[in-house]
Every structure is written in C-alpha cells, then in structure tokens.
Amino acid sequence: MPPSPRAALCPVPEEPSPDPRPYPAPYPKRRSGNRLALSLTLPGDPRSAAIARAVVTAALHAHGLASFTWPAAHIASELVAVNATFTPQKDLYLSLRHRDDALRLLVWDQHPEHAGPGAAELCAQRRRRALWLLTAVVDDWGGEWGVCDALPPQRGFKSVVVLPR
C-alpha cells in the first residue's frame, strides 16, 4: 500500500521491513579450515555413531573442508561405535581439529583399568581387531592412527587419527 501524504510528512522514519529470514543460513560463510576446533560429549551408546557422523560432516562443510568429509565422517562413526561397545553407558568425548593442513580426530572413552597385564593386552588386541575397517580407511588416505592410555587424572583410552591434506 502506498504511503499517504499525511504519513510522508511525519518526522518519524518508517521502520524497515523485517528480514524474511530472521535466522542465519546454516552455512553463512565458508571459513578457513585452519580455525576448525570442535569438541562434544556423546552418550556411550553405539547409536551415537550416527550423531558423530552428522556433526563431523556439518562441521567440515561449514569450514570449507569438504574433501575430508567421507573419510572423517566414517572414521568418527567407527571410533564412536567401537569405543561405545568397549565402554557401554559411559560418556565419550569426540574432538575434531584442523591444523597445519591435517585433520585430527580424537575419541576418548572411560574404559576402566584391567586387573592384570594379560587382560589389558587382550583388550587392546580386541580393540585393534574391531577397528580393522578404520585401519583400511586411514591407510588408504595416507593417515596414521593409534590408541593410548589417557593421562591422569583422566582414565580410559584415547584413539587418535591424523589425516593429511
């Protein structure tokens, strides 16, 4: 509706029309991947692997690192699913970082200490065997991975994967 002459003489300026999109787009800008730093805590349930996959995919796309999407999403979901199986009902911590032209994924679980060295070695063997598909993906992409004990005061295991650009 056109403004009336009376409204045009009013000294109060018209309010601007509201933005039809009050919320920003999901991916407003492509940012440099060097600032990617993502951390989240997930329930210790194998179904959390789907959450890890979705979050990693969204973060990589938002930071302009789409070339890492397939291996990183697969690696995150494998690590979360396997670690949740080894430590059910305990929270898992997922970290995703991009620095120095490499992508680093870390999953920390709260696996309890074993009573003896034989049990600890058997558990480590089973963990490595369960991650055979992760091993194939990381090798294919020229990366490295490993599992180590968490440093005190934390307890459990940390699984780390590094993928070069």
C-alpha atoms as a PDB file:
ATOM      1  CA  MET A   1       0.000   0.000   0.000  1.00  0.00           C
ATOM      2  CA  PRO A   2       1.500   3.372  -0.968  1.00  0.00           C
ATOM      3  CA  PRO A   3       2.158   5.801   1.886  1.00  0.00           C
ATOM      4  CA  SER A   4      -0.418   8.518   2.310  1.00  0.00           C
ATOM      5  CA  PRO A   5       0.692  12.193   2.081  1.00  0.00           C
ATOM      6  CA  ARG A   6      -0.014  12.568   5.771  1.00  0.00           C
ATOM      7  CA  ALA A   7       2.361   9.694   6.677  1.00  0.00           C
ATOM      8  CA  ALA A   8       5.010  11.148   4.376  1.00  0.00           C
ATOM      9  CA  LEU A   9       5.041  14.362   6.382  1.00  0.00           C
ATOM     10  CA  CYS A  10       5.622  12.535   9.645  1.00  0.00           C
ATOM     11  CA  PRO A  11       9.108  13.210  11.057  1.00  0.00           C
ATOM     12  CA  VAL A  12       9.442   9.664  12.438  1.00  0.00           C
ATOM     13  CA  PRO A  13      11.111   7.438   9.859  1.00  0.00           C
ATOM     14  CA  GLU A  14       9.349   4.300   8.768  1.00  0.00           C
ATOM     15  CA  GLU A  15      10.559   1.107  10.377  1.00  0.00           C
ATOM     16  CA  PRO A  16      12.430  -1.111   7.955  1.00  0.00           C
ATOM     17  CA  SER A  17      10.572  -4.190   6.854  1.00  0.00           C
ATOM     18  CA  PRO A  18      11.517  -7.256   8.864  1.00  0.00           C
ATOM     19  CA  ASP A  19      14.031  -9.644   7.358  1.00  0.00           C
ATOM     20  CA  PRO A  20      12.143 -12.563   5.772  1.00  0.00           C
ATOM     21  CA  ARG A  21      14.893 -14.835   7.139  1.00  0.00           C
ATOM     22  CA  PRO A  22      15.331 -13.923  10.805  1.00  0.00           C
ATOM     23  CA  TYR A  23      17.845 -16.703  11.355  1.00  0.00           C
ATOM     24  CA  PRO A  24      21.154 -17.038   9.511  1.00  0.00           C
ATOM     25  CA  ALA A  25      21.585 -19.700   6.864  1.00  0.00           C
ATOM     26  CA  PRO A  26      23.094 -22.977   8.095  1.00  0.00           C
ATOM     27  CA  TYR A  27      26.384 -22.248   6.356  1.00  0.00           C
ATOM     28  CA  PRO A  28      26.612 -18.453   6.143  1.00  0.00           C
ATOM     29  CA  LYS A  29      30.262 -18.242   5.073  1.00  0.00           C
ATOM     30  CA  ARG A  30      32.910 -20.706   4.121  1.00  0.00           C
ATOM     31  CA  ARG A  31      35.606 -20.255   6.702  1.00  0.00           C
ATOM     32  CA  SER A  32      39.193 -21.257   6.576  1.00  0.00           C
ATOM     33  CA  GLY A  33      39.597 -24.786   7.868  1.00  0.00           C
ATOM     34  CA  ASN A  34      42.560 -23.715   9.992  1.00  0.00           C
ATOM     35  CA  ARG A  35      40.131 -22.485  12.633  1.00  0.00           C
ATOM     36  CA  LEU A  36      38.174 -25.710  12.906  1.00  0.00           C
ATOM     37  CA  ALA A  37      38.015 -26.831  16.516  1.00  0.00           C
ATOM     38  CA  LEU A  38      35.060 -28.969  17.549  1.00  0.00           C
ATOM     39  CA  SER A  39      34.536 -30.915  20.759  1.00  0.00           C
ATOM     40  CA  LEU A  40      31.475 -32.707  22.024  1.00  0.00           C
ATOM     41  CA  THR A  41      30.431 -35.335  24.507  1.00  0.00           C
ATOM     42  CA  LEU A  42      28.288 -38.235  23.336  1.00  0.00           C
ATOM     43  CA  PRO A  43      26.424 -40.958  25.223  1.00  0.00           C
ATOM     44  CA  GLY A  44      28.231 -44.287  25.401  1.00  0.00           C
ATOM     45  CA  ASP A  45      25.853 -45.984  23.000  1.00  0.00           C
ATOM     46  CA  PRO A  46      26.632 -47.378  19.527  1.00  0.00           C
ATOM     47  CA  ARG A  47      23.766 -45.269  18.157  1.00  0.00           C
ATOM     48  CA  SER A  48      25.867 -42.178  18.931  1.00  0.00           C
ATOM     49  CA  ALA A  49      27.907 -43.049  15.838  1.00  0.00           C
ATOM     50  CA  ALA A  50      25.179 -41.506  13.660  1.00  0.00           C
ATOM     51  CA  ILE A  51      25.371 -38.275  15.661  1.00  0.00           C
ATOM     52  CA  ALA A  52      29.161 -38.188  15.303  1.00  0.00           C
ATOM     53  CA  ARG A  53      28.893 -38.735  11.547  1.00  0.00           C
ATOM     54  CA  ALA A  54      26.338 -35.932  11.115  1.00  0.00           C
ATOM     55  CA  VAL A  55      28.233 -33.435  13.283  1.00  0.00           C
ATOM     56  CA  VAL A  56      31.592 -34.080  11.611  1.00  0.00           C
ATOM     57  CA  THR A  57      30.024 -33.788   8.147  1.00  0.00           C
ATOM     58  CA  ALA A  58      28.341 -30.482   9.000  1.00  0.00           C
ATOM     59  CA  ALA A  59      31.496 -29.030  10.576  1.00  0.00           C
ATOM     60  CA  LEU A  60      33.694 -29.952   7.622  1.00  0.00           C
ATOM     61  CA  HIS A  61      31.260 -28.441   5.123  1.00  0.00           C
ATOM     62  CA  ALA A  62      30.911 -25.272   7.196  1.00  0.00           C
ATOM     63  CA  HIS A  63      34.687 -24.814   7.272  1.00  0.00           C
ATOM     64  CA  GLY A  64      35.322 -25.487   3.597  1.00  0.00           C
ATOM     65  CA  LEU A  65      36.922 -28.880   4.196  1.00  0.00           C
ATOM     66  CA  ALA A  66      34.512 -30.991   2.148  1.00  0.00           C
ATOM     67  CA  SER A  67      37.371 -33.083   0.749  1.00  0.00           C
ATOM     68  CA  PHE A  68      37.741 -34.667   4.201  1.00  0.00           C
ATOM     69  CA  THR A  69      34.032 -35.469   4.571  1.00  0.00           C
ATOM     70  CA  TRP A  70      33.908 -39.124   3.584  1.00  0.00           C
ATOM     71  CA  PRO A  71      36.935 -40.443   5.491  1.00  0.00           C
ATOM     72  CA  ALA A  72      36.447 -38.225   8.551  1.00  0.00           C
ATOM     73  CA  ALA A  73      32.737 -38.996   8.953  1.00  0.00           C
ATOM     74  CA  HIS A  74      33.431 -42.704   8.561  1.00  0.00           C
ATOM     75  CA  ILE A  75      36.351 -42.605  10.997  1.00  0.00           C
ATOM     76  CA  ALA A  76      34.364 -40.679  13.615  1.00  0.00           C
ATOM     77  CA  SER A  77      31.435 -43.076  13.425  1.00  0.00           C
ATOM     78  CA  GLU A  78      33.715 -46.145  13.614  1.00  0.00           C
ATOM     79  CA  LEU A  79      35.614 -44.812  16.615  1.00  0.00           C
ATOM     80  CA  VAL A  80      32.455 -43.836  18.482  1.00  0.00           C
ATOM     81  CA  ALA A  81      30.684 -47.143  17.754  1.00  0.00           C
ATOM     82  CA  VAL A  82      33.654 -49.309  18.788  1.00  0.00           C
ATOM     83  CA  ASN A  83      34.537 -47.253  21.872  1.00  0.00           C
ATOM     84  CA  ALA A  84      30.886 -47.261  22.972  1.00  0.00           C
ATOM     85  CA  THR A  85      30.893 -51.045  22.660  1.00  0.00           C
ATOM     86  CA  PHE A  86      34.004 -51.341  24.828  1.00  0.00           C
ATOM     87  CA  THR A  87      32.718 -48.849  27.399  1.00  0.00           C
ATOM     88  CA  PRO A  88      28.912 -49.001  27.416  1.00  0.00           C
ATOM     89  CA  GLN A  89      26.880 -46.430  29.371  1.00  0.00           C
ATOM     90  CA  LYS A  90      29.891 -44.114  29.828  1.00  0.00           C
ATOM     91  CA  ASP A  91      30.198 -40.796  28.019  1.00  0.00           C
ATOM     92  CA  LEU A  92      32.546 -40.464  25.053  1.00  0.00           C
ATOM     93  CA  TYR A  93      34.434 -37.317  24.109  1.00  0.00           C
ATOM     94  CA  LEU A  94      34.912 -36.502  20.409  1.00  0.00           C
ATOM     95  CA  SER A  95      37.347 -33.850  19.210  1.00  0.00           C
ATOM     96  CA  LEU A  96      37.853 -32.669  15.621  1.00  0.00           C
ATOM     97  CA  ARG A  97      40.662 -30.233  14.771  1.00  0.00           C
ATOM     98  CA  HIS A  98      42.229 -28.930  11.559  1.00  0.00           C
ATOM     99  CA  ARG A  99      45.722 -27.505  11.895  1.00  0.00           C
ATOM    100  CA  ASP A 100      48.859 -27.418   9.789  1.00  0.00           C
ATOM    101  CA  ASP A 101      46.977 -28.832   6.802  1.00  0.00           C
ATOM    102  CA  ALA A 102      45.992 -32.022   8.652  1.00  0.00           C
ATOM    103  CA  LEU A 103      42.754 -33.175  10.212  1.00  0.00           C
ATOM    104  CA  ARG A 104      42.932 -34.719  13.689  1.00  0.00           C
ATOM    105  CA  LEU A 105      40.128 -36.777  15.253  1.00  0.00           C
ATOM    106  CA  LEU A 106      40.270 -37.965  18.841  1.00  0.00           C
ATOM    107  CA  VAL A 107      37.806 -40.133  20.755  1.00  0.00           C
ATOM    108  CA  TRP A 108      38.331 -40.627  24.467  1.00  0.00           C
ATOM    109  CA  ASP A 109      36.405 -43.279  26.379  1.00  0.00           C
ATOM    110  CA  GLN A 110      36.298 -44.027  30.104  1.00  0.00           C
ATOM    111  CA  HIS A 111      37.313 -47.674  29.869  1.00  0.00           C
ATOM    112  CA  PRO A 112      38.206 -48.965  33.349  1.00  0.00           C
ATOM    113  CA  GLU A 113      41.663 -50.266  34.178  1.00  0.00           C
ATOM    114  CA  HIS A 114      42.225 -54.001  33.920  1.00  0.00           C
ATOM    115  CA  ALA A 115      43.258 -56.174  36.868  1.00  0.00           C
ATOM    116  CA  GLY A 116      46.276 -57.716  35.183  1.00  0.00           C
ATOM    117  CA  PRO A 117      48.582 -57.184  32.216  1.00  0.00           C
ATOM    118  CA  GLY A 118      47.155 -60.206  30.385  1.00  0.00           C
ATOM    119  CA  ALA A 119      43.643 -58.748  30.467  1.00  0.00           C
ATOM    120  CA  ALA A 120      44.887 -55.349  29.323  1.00  0.00           C
ATOM    121  CA  GLU A 121      46.753 -56.847  26.351  1.00  0.00           C
ATOM    122  CA  LEU A 122      43.739 -58.966  25.365  1.00  0.00           C
ATOM    123  CA  CYS A 123      41.512 -55.894  25.488  1.00  0.00           C
ATOM    124  CA  ALA A 124      43.973 -53.900  23.335  1.00  0.00           C
ATOM    125  CA  GLN A 125      44.090 -56.720  20.763  1.00  0.00           C
ATOM    126  CA  ARG A 126      40.300 -56.859  20.605  1.00  0.00           C
ATOM    127  CA  ARG A 127      40.096 -53.094  20.205  1.00  0.00           C
ATOM    128  CA  ARG A 128      42.598 -53.107  17.306  1.00  0.00           C
ATOM    129  CA  ARG A 129      40.778 -56.014  15.668  1.00  0.00           C
ATOM    130  CA  ALA A 130      37.412 -54.245  15.986  1.00  0.00           C
ATOM    131  CA  LEU A 131      38.874 -51.218  14.184  1.00  0.00           C
ATOM    132  CA  TRP A 132      40.003 -53.125  11.079  1.00  0.00           C
ATOM    133  CA  LEU A 133      37.794 -51.072   8.762  1.00  0.00           C
ATOM    134  CA  LEU A 134      39.086 -47.831  10.261  1.00  0.00           C
ATOM    135  CA  THR A 135      42.629 -49.094   9.629  1.00  0.00           C
ATOM    136  CA  ALA A 136      41.827 -49.660   5.955  1.00  0.00           C
ATOM    137  CA  VAL A 137      40.312 -46.183   5.510  1.00  0.00           C
ATOM    138  CA  VAL A 138      43.166 -44.405   7.305  1.00  0.00           C
ATOM    139  CA  ASP A 139      45.808 -46.328   5.327  1.00  0.00           C
ATOM    140  CA  ASP A 140      44.022 -45.595   2.067  1.00  0.00           C
ATOM    141  CA  TRP A 141      44.015 -41.841   2.835  1.00  0.00           C
ATOM    142  CA  GLY A 142      47.674 -41.803   3.901  1.00  0.00           C
ATOM    143  CA  GLY A 143      46.947 -41.132   7.556  1.00  0.00           C
ATOM    144  CA  GLU A 144      48.031 -42.542  10.886  1.00  0.00           C
ATOM    145  CA  TRP A 145      46.112 -43.780  13.887  1.00  0.00           C
ATOM    146  CA  GLY A 146      46.755 -45.217  17.302  1.00  0.00           C
ATOM    147  CA  VAL A 147      45.342 -45.936  20.726  1.00  0.00           C
ATOM    148  CA  CYS A 148      46.937 -44.919  24.007  1.00  0.00           C
ATOM    149  CA  ASP A 149      46.065 -44.687  27.685  1.00  0.00           C
ATOM    150  CA  ALA A 150      44.579 -41.408  28.811  1.00  0.00           C
ATOM    151  CA  LEU A 151      46.900 -39.396  31.037  1.00  0.00           C
ATOM    152  CA  PRO A 152      45.926 -38.820  34.689  1.00  0.00           C
ATOM    153  CA  PRO A 153      43.665 -37.508  36.099  1.00  0.00           C
ATOM    154  CA  GLN A 154      41.620 -38.975  33.257  1.00  0.00           C
ATOM    155  CA  ARG A 155      41.281 -42.687  32.800  1.00  0.00           C
ATOM    156  CA  GLY A 156      40.435 -44.785  29.800  1.00  0.00           C
ATOM    157  CA  PHE A 157      41.728 -44.831  26.248  1.00  0.00           C
ATOM    158  CA  LYS A 158      42.287 -42.209  23.602  1.00  0.00           C
ATOM    159  CA  SER A 159      42.018 -43.171  19.951  1.00  0.00           C
ATOM    160  CA  VAL A 160      43.685 -40.643  17.645  1.00  0.00           C
ATOM    161  CA  VAL A 161      43.560 -40.382  13.846  1.00  0.00           C
ATOM    162  CA  VAL A 162      45.520 -37.875  11.759  1.00  0.00           C
ATOM    163  CA  LEU A 163      44.669 -37.382   8.073  1.00  0.00           C
ATOM    164  CA  PRO A 164      46.970 -35.246   5.921  1.00  0.00           C
ATOM    165  CA  ARG A 165      45.514 -32.885   3.314  1.00  0.00           C
END
